[in-house]
N, C-alpha and C. Protein backbone atom coordinates (compact mmCIF):
# COMPACT_ATOMS: atom_id res chain seq x y z
N UNK A 1 32.08 -78.05 -37.00
CA UNK A 1 31.63 -78.39 -35.88
C UNK A 1 30.82 -79.62 -36.11
N UNK A 2 30.33 -80.78 -35.39
CA UNK A 2 29.78 -81.53 -35.05
C UNK A 2 28.88 -81.06 -34.64
N UNK A 3 27.13 -82.14 -34.90
CA UNK A 3 26.38 -81.21 -34.03
C UNK A 3 26.42 -81.88 -32.43
N UNK A 4 27.58 -83.25 -32.30
CA UNK A 4 27.86 -83.73 -30.63
C UNK A 4 28.99 -82.45 -30.11
N UNK A 5 30.03 -82.33 -30.83
CA UNK A 5 30.27 -81.11 -29.89
C UNK A 5 29.96 -80.31 -29.67
N UNK A 6 29.26 -79.36 -30.70
CA UNK A 6 27.83 -78.85 -29.84
C UNK A 6 26.46 -78.36 -29.28
N UNK A 7 26.50 -79.54 -28.75
CA UNK A 7 25.06 -80.00 -28.09
C UNK A 7 25.51 -80.87 -27.24
N UNK A 8 25.98 -81.69 -27.48
CA UNK A 8 26.42 -83.51 -26.24
C UNK A 8 25.88 -84.29 -26.80
N UNK A 9 26.16 -85.41 -26.02
CA UNK A 9 25.67 -86.49 -26.49
C UNK A 9 26.57 -87.72 -25.64
N UNK A 10 25.63 -88.97 -25.97
CA UNK A 10 26.13 -89.97 -24.99
C UNK A 10 27.32 -90.82 -25.50
N UNK A 11 28.15 -90.66 -23.93
CA UNK A 11 29.37 -91.90 -24.34
C UNK A 11 28.66 -93.39 -24.18
N UNK A 12 29.67 -94.80 -24.90
CA UNK A 12 29.51 -96.21 -24.68
C UNK A 12 29.14 -96.19 -23.28
N UNK A 13 29.72 -95.53 -22.69
CA UNK A 13 28.42 -95.94 -20.70
C UNK A 13 27.23 -95.23 -20.52
N UNK A 14 26.85 -95.05 -21.71
CA UNK A 14 25.77 -94.15 -21.30
C UNK A 14 25.70 -92.76 -20.45
N UNK A 15 27.09 -92.09 -20.58
CA UNK A 15 26.94 -91.08 -20.03
C UNK A 15 26.95 -90.16 -20.65
N UNK A 16 26.52 -88.66 -20.40
CA UNK A 16 26.24 -87.59 -20.91
C UNK A 16 27.33 -86.24 -21.11
N UNK A 17 27.40 -86.41 -21.69
CA UNK A 17 28.44 -84.99 -22.12
C UNK A 17 28.12 -83.66 -22.23
N UNK A 18 28.36 -82.74 -22.05
CA UNK A 18 27.24 -81.62 -22.28
C UNK A 18 28.42 -80.94 -23.93
N UNK A 19 27.39 -80.39 -24.89
CA UNK A 19 28.80 -79.62 -25.78
C UNK A 19 28.77 -78.51 -25.61
N UNK A 20 29.18 -77.56 -26.67
CA UNK A 20 29.88 -75.96 -25.85
C UNK A 20 28.61 -75.59 -25.78
N UNK A 21 27.03 -75.26 -26.86
CA UNK A 21 25.78 -74.75 -26.24
C UNK A 21 25.91 -74.75 -25.31
N UNK A 22 24.99 -75.72 -25.19
CA UNK A 22 24.63 -76.01 -23.23
C UNK A 22 25.18 -75.84 -22.55
N UNK A 23 26.52 -75.64 -22.62
CA UNK A 23 27.50 -74.44 -21.40
C UNK A 23 27.32 -73.30 -21.53
N UNK A 24 27.45 -72.57 -22.95
CA UNK A 24 27.43 -71.71 -23.25
C UNK A 24 25.65 -71.12 -21.94
N UNK A 25 25.19 -71.57 -23.01
CA UNK A 25 23.86 -70.90 -22.08
C UNK A 25 23.66 -70.93 -20.62
N UNK A 26 23.83 -72.27 -20.08
CA UNK A 26 24.57 -72.36 -18.68
C UNK A 26 25.19 -71.19 -17.61
N UNK A 27 26.31 -70.97 -18.73
CA UNK A 27 27.09 -70.18 -17.97
C UNK A 27 26.16 -68.73 -18.04
N UNK A 28 25.26 -68.55 -19.48
CA UNK A 28 24.77 -67.20 -19.29
C UNK A 28 23.62 -66.95 -18.40
N UNK A 29 22.75 -68.62 -17.67
CA UNK A 29 21.56 -67.99 -17.10
C UNK A 29 22.39 -67.89 -15.63
N UNK A 30 23.70 -68.03 -15.68
CA UNK A 30 23.86 -68.11 -14.17
C UNK A 30 24.67 -66.57 -13.74
N UNK A 31 24.81 -65.98 -14.75
CA UNK A 31 24.83 -65.24 -15.08
C UNK A 31 23.78 -63.65 -14.35
N UNK A 32 24.40 -63.19 -13.36
CA UNK A 32 23.35 -62.25 -12.34
C UNK A 32 23.73 -60.89 -12.52
N UNK A 33 24.89 -60.73 -13.17
CA UNK A 33 24.64 -58.82 -13.84
C UNK A 33 23.96 -58.11 -14.41
N UNK A 34 24.04 -56.89 -15.04
CA UNK A 34 22.98 -56.54 -15.81
C UNK A 34 23.32 -57.07 -16.98
N UNK A 35 24.54 -57.43 -17.41
CA UNK A 35 25.00 -57.25 -18.81
C UNK A 35 24.32 -57.89 -19.58
N UNK A 36 24.18 -57.82 -20.90
CA UNK A 36 23.92 -58.56 -22.01
C UNK A 36 24.50 -60.08 -22.19
N UNK A 37 23.97 -60.97 -22.49
CA UNK A 37 25.25 -62.04 -23.40
C UNK A 37 24.32 -62.11 -24.79
N UNK A 38 25.69 -62.09 -25.79
CA UNK A 38 25.25 -62.73 -26.73
C UNK A 38 25.88 -63.54 -27.42
N UNK A 39 25.37 -64.41 -28.41
CA UNK A 39 26.22 -65.99 -28.34
C UNK A 39 25.42 -65.92 -29.90
N UNK A 40 27.41 -66.09 -30.80
CA UNK A 40 27.01 -65.95 -32.06
C UNK A 40 27.68 -67.09 -32.56
N UNK A 41 27.11 -67.95 -33.59
CA UNK A 41 27.13 -69.06 -34.39
C UNK A 41 27.88 -68.54 -35.50
N UNK A 42 28.62 -68.48 -36.19
CA UNK A 42 29.62 -68.04 -36.78
C UNK A 42 29.78 -69.93 -38.07
N UNK A 43 29.47 -69.67 -39.38
CA UNK A 43 30.12 -70.82 -40.08
C UNK A 43 28.80 -71.03 -40.72
N UNK A 44 29.24 -71.88 -41.65
CA UNK A 44 28.17 -72.32 -42.44
C UNK A 44 26.60 -73.12 -41.61
N UNK A 45 25.90 -72.63 -42.31
CA UNK A 45 24.28 -73.30 -41.53
C UNK A 45 23.96 -74.64 -42.09
N UNK A 46 24.06 -75.84 -41.15
CA UNK A 46 24.39 -77.44 -41.64
C UNK A 46 22.79 -77.97 -41.02
N UNK A 47 22.70 -78.23 -42.01
CA UNK A 47 20.79 -79.37 -41.82
C UNK A 47 20.12 -79.43 -40.41
N UNK A 48 21.98 -80.23 -39.74
CA UNK A 48 21.48 -81.08 -38.73
C UNK A 48 21.45 -80.54 -37.44
N UNK A 49 22.55 -79.59 -36.83
CA UNK A 49 22.87 -78.31 -36.11
C UNK A 49 21.77 -77.51 -36.08
N UNK A 50 20.87 -76.63 -37.67
CA UNK A 50 20.30 -75.64 -37.15
C UNK A 50 18.94 -76.51 -36.62
N UNK A 51 19.11 -77.42 -36.99
CA UNK A 51 17.41 -78.29 -36.62
C UNK A 51 16.90 -78.06 -35.43
N UNK A 52 18.24 -78.85 -34.54
CA UNK A 52 18.66 -78.56 -32.95
C UNK A 52 17.89 -77.41 -32.04
N UNK A 53 18.18 -76.62 -33.11
CA UNK A 53 17.89 -74.81 -32.73
C UNK A 53 16.46 -74.13 -33.29
N UNK A 54 15.83 -75.41 -33.46
CA UNK A 54 14.12 -74.84 -33.87
C UNK A 54 13.29 -74.32 -32.64
N UNK A 55 13.39 -75.33 -31.24
CA UNK A 55 13.37 -75.10 -30.28
C UNK A 55 13.85 -73.90 -29.17
N UNK A 56 15.13 -73.34 -29.83
CA UNK A 56 15.36 -72.28 -29.45
C UNK A 56 15.04 -71.06 -30.10
N UNK A 57 14.68 -71.03 -31.47
CA UNK A 57 14.33 -69.80 -32.36
C UNK A 57 12.49 -69.34 -32.28
N UNK A 58 11.88 -70.38 -31.56
CA UNK A 58 10.18 -70.12 -31.59
C UNK A 58 10.26 -70.00 -30.41
N UNK A 59 8.94 -69.10 -30.09
CA UNK A 59 7.85 -69.63 -28.71
C UNK A 59 8.08 -69.81 -27.64
N UNK A 60 9.09 -71.01 -27.33
CA UNK A 60 9.70 -71.82 -26.25
C UNK A 60 11.02 -71.08 -25.76
N UNK A 61 11.72 -70.58 -26.28
CA UNK A 61 12.82 -70.34 -26.46
C UNK A 61 13.76 -71.33 -25.22
N UNK A 62 13.50 -72.22 -26.00
CA UNK A 62 14.53 -73.35 -24.70
C UNK A 62 15.06 -74.12 -25.80
N UNK A 63 16.53 -75.04 -25.42
CA UNK A 63 17.50 -75.51 -25.98
C UNK A 63 16.65 -77.05 -25.06
N UNK A 64 16.74 -77.37 -26.16
CA UNK A 64 16.07 -78.71 -26.02
C UNK A 64 17.36 -79.98 -26.64
N UNK A 65 17.68 -81.01 -25.41
CA UNK A 65 19.15 -81.43 -26.04
C UNK A 65 18.51 -83.40 -25.88
N UNK A 66 19.23 -84.16 -25.88
CA UNK A 66 19.09 -85.57 -26.20
C UNK A 66 18.55 -85.93 -24.94
N UNK A 67 19.31 -85.30 -24.03
CA UNK A 67 19.64 -85.82 -23.09
C UNK A 67 17.85 -86.04 -21.85
N UNK A 68 17.00 -84.93 -23.16
CA UNK A 68 16.07 -85.09 -22.50
C UNK A 68 16.04 -83.01 -21.46
N UNK A 69 17.18 -82.21 -21.50
CA UNK A 69 17.23 -82.01 -20.61
C UNK A 69 17.21 -80.21 -21.23
N UNK A 70 15.37 -79.70 -20.83
CA UNK A 70 15.83 -78.33 -21.77
C UNK A 70 16.18 -77.01 -20.55
N UNK A 71 17.39 -75.39 -21.83
CA UNK A 71 17.89 -75.15 -20.98
C UNK A 71 17.16 -73.60 -21.60
N UNK A 72 16.10 -73.00 -20.85
CA UNK A 72 15.70 -71.59 -20.99
C UNK A 72 16.68 -70.09 -21.40
N UNK A 73 16.04 -69.31 -22.63
CA UNK A 73 16.70 -68.05 -22.75
C UNK A 73 16.77 -67.17 -21.47
N UNK A 74 16.92 -66.54 -20.87
CA UNK A 74 16.93 -65.26 -20.63
C UNK A 74 16.24 -64.21 -21.17
N UNK A 75 15.80 -63.01 -20.92
CA UNK A 75 15.54 -62.32 -21.13
C UNK A 75 17.09 -61.44 -21.72
N UNK A 76 18.12 -61.16 -21.15
CA UNK A 76 19.41 -60.53 -21.29
C UNK A 76 19.78 -61.56 -22.30
N UNK A 77 19.80 -63.02 -22.90
CA UNK A 77 20.54 -63.62 -23.81
C UNK A 77 19.82 -63.20 -25.18
N UNK A 78 20.56 -62.95 -25.83
CA UNK A 78 20.08 -63.18 -27.96
C UNK A 78 21.11 -63.93 -28.57
N UNK A 79 20.96 -64.56 -29.33
CA UNK A 79 21.19 -65.36 -30.67
C UNK A 79 21.57 -64.91 -31.65
N UNK A 80 22.73 -64.59 -32.39
CA UNK A 80 23.28 -64.53 -33.63
C UNK A 80 24.09 -64.60 -34.52
N UNK A 81 23.04 -65.21 -35.93
CA UNK A 81 23.95 -66.08 -36.49
C UNK A 81 24.96 -65.86 -37.85
N UNK A 82 25.94 -65.66 -37.93
CA UNK A 82 26.63 -64.70 -39.10
C UNK A 82 27.27 -66.13 -39.95
N UNK A 83 26.39 -66.65 -41.23
CA UNK A 83 26.39 -67.25 -42.15
C UNK A 83 26.23 -66.56 -43.16
N UNK A 84 27.70 -67.88 -44.38
CA UNK A 84 27.68 -67.53 -45.21
C UNK A 84 26.47 -67.64 -46.24
N UNK A 85 25.67 -68.68 -45.84
CA UNK A 85 24.35 -68.41 -47.48
C UNK A 85 23.27 -69.19 -46.07
N UNK A 86 21.78 -68.98 -46.42
CA UNK A 86 21.12 -70.08 -46.12
C UNK A 86 20.63 -71.51 -46.83
N UNK A 87 21.53 -72.38 -47.70
CA UNK A 87 21.47 -73.48 -48.22
C UNK A 87 20.93 -74.61 -47.50
N UNK A 88 21.36 -74.58 -46.61
CA UNK A 88 20.76 -76.11 -45.52
C UNK A 88 19.62 -75.78 -44.91
N UNK A 89 19.21 -74.45 -44.62
CA UNK A 89 18.56 -74.27 -43.96
C UNK A 89 16.98 -74.66 -43.87
N UNK A 90 16.08 -75.28 -43.45
CA UNK A 90 14.40 -74.71 -43.76
C UNK A 90 14.17 -73.91 -43.79
N UNK A 91 12.81 -73.89 -44.31
CA UNK A 91 12.20 -71.95 -44.48
C UNK A 91 11.52 -71.85 -43.20
N UNK A 92 10.73 -73.04 -42.37
CA UNK A 92 11.04 -72.84 -40.81
C UNK A 92 11.97 -71.93 -39.66
N UNK A 93 13.18 -72.54 -40.21
CA UNK A 93 14.42 -71.76 -39.79
C UNK A 93 14.38 -70.18 -40.36
N UNK A 94 14.21 -70.42 -41.49
CA UNK A 94 14.60 -68.58 -41.86
C UNK A 94 13.62 -68.01 -41.54
N UNK A 95 12.05 -68.92 -41.48
CA UNK A 95 11.23 -67.71 -40.63
C UNK A 95 11.59 -67.30 -39.13
N UNK A 96 12.09 -68.06 -38.69
CA UNK A 96 12.08 -67.59 -36.94
C UNK A 96 13.29 -66.52 -36.63
N UNK A 97 14.19 -66.36 -37.89
CA UNK A 97 15.58 -65.11 -37.10
C UNK A 97 15.13 -63.98 -38.18
N UNK A 98 15.54 -63.35 -37.67
CA UNK A 98 15.25 -61.52 -38.58
C UNK A 98 16.87 -61.07 -38.86
N UNK A 99 16.87 -61.51 -40.25
CA UNK A 99 17.55 -60.99 -40.92
C UNK A 99 18.57 -59.53 -41.57
N UNK A 100 19.91 -59.68 -41.45
CA UNK A 100 19.95 -58.62 -41.98
C UNK A 100 21.38 -59.59 -42.90
N UNK A 101 20.94 -58.68 -44.45
CA UNK A 101 21.92 -59.26 -45.72
C UNK A 101 23.02 -57.93 -45.66
N UNK A 102 23.77 -58.68 -45.86
CA UNK A 102 24.77 -57.57 -46.36
C UNK A 102 26.02 -58.25 -47.33
N UNK A 103 25.93 -57.46 -48.19
CA UNK A 103 26.58 -57.61 -49.63
C UNK A 103 28.08 -57.99 -49.23
N UNK A 104 29.46 -58.10 -49.76
CA UNK A 104 30.75 -58.28 -49.11
C UNK A 104 30.57 -56.71 -50.34
N UNK A 105 30.50 -56.60 -51.30
CA UNK A 105 30.77 -55.76 -52.45
C UNK A 105 30.25 -54.67 -51.61
N UNK A 106 30.52 -54.63 -50.21
CA UNK A 106 28.90 -52.90 -49.37
C UNK A 106 30.04 -52.77 -49.01
N UNK A 107 30.59 -53.34 -48.33
CA UNK A 107 31.77 -53.35 -47.33
C UNK A 107 32.93 -53.15 -47.75
N UNK A 108 33.86 -52.19 -47.15
CA UNK A 108 35.27 -51.55 -47.71
C UNK A 108 35.51 -52.79 -46.92
N UNK A 109 37.19 -52.72 -46.50
CA UNK A 109 38.30 -53.48 -46.79
C UNK A 109 38.54 -53.95 -45.27
N UNK A 110 38.29 -52.86 -44.81
CA UNK A 110 38.97 -52.49 -43.28
C UNK A 110 37.47 -53.38 -42.40
N UNK A 111 36.74 -53.50 -42.98
CA UNK A 111 36.04 -54.51 -42.23
C UNK A 111 36.42 -55.47 -42.04
N UNK A 112 36.77 -56.69 -43.17
CA UNK A 112 37.64 -57.43 -43.17
C UNK A 112 38.52 -57.84 -42.86
N UNK A 113 39.32 -56.82 -42.27
CA UNK A 113 40.36 -57.38 -41.61
C UNK A 113 39.91 -56.83 -40.58
N UNK A 114 39.92 -56.08 -40.33
CA UNK A 114 39.23 -56.23 -38.63
C UNK A 114 38.85 -57.57 -37.80
N UNK A 115 37.94 -57.98 -38.72
CA UNK A 115 37.93 -59.17 -38.24
C UNK A 115 38.55 -60.05 -38.72
N UNK A 116 39.18 -60.58 -39.63
CA UNK A 116 40.38 -61.50 -39.15
C UNK A 116 40.80 -61.01 -38.41
N UNK A 117 41.85 -60.03 -37.70
CA UNK A 117 42.86 -59.45 -36.98
C UNK A 117 42.20 -59.73 -35.36
N UNK A 118 41.05 -59.98 -35.19
CA UNK A 118 40.42 -60.14 -33.82
C UNK A 118 40.33 -61.40 -34.04
């Protein structure tokens, strides 16, 4: 996915259109239930979009978008990055994330099947 699709962009007329991430953040912010909200990013880390997440991952916990709007993470929101590698991530980005590393050889075949099937 492109950063424009993930975060949003201005069209040719100068009108802002939200991407997937701000829509999800708003939906989680509007959730008044006691449920926890988990947002998963799955796929390769791209240097462009992951840097847009730095303000979310630091103490501010705000998504800052190109149109000047910010969306604050609530205490009920958590973000999980499930990535293949961190070749494109900066040390700053890596240091902001709690990491769990799993070798594929340590997982049984049914974990892969269940993920694929879902």
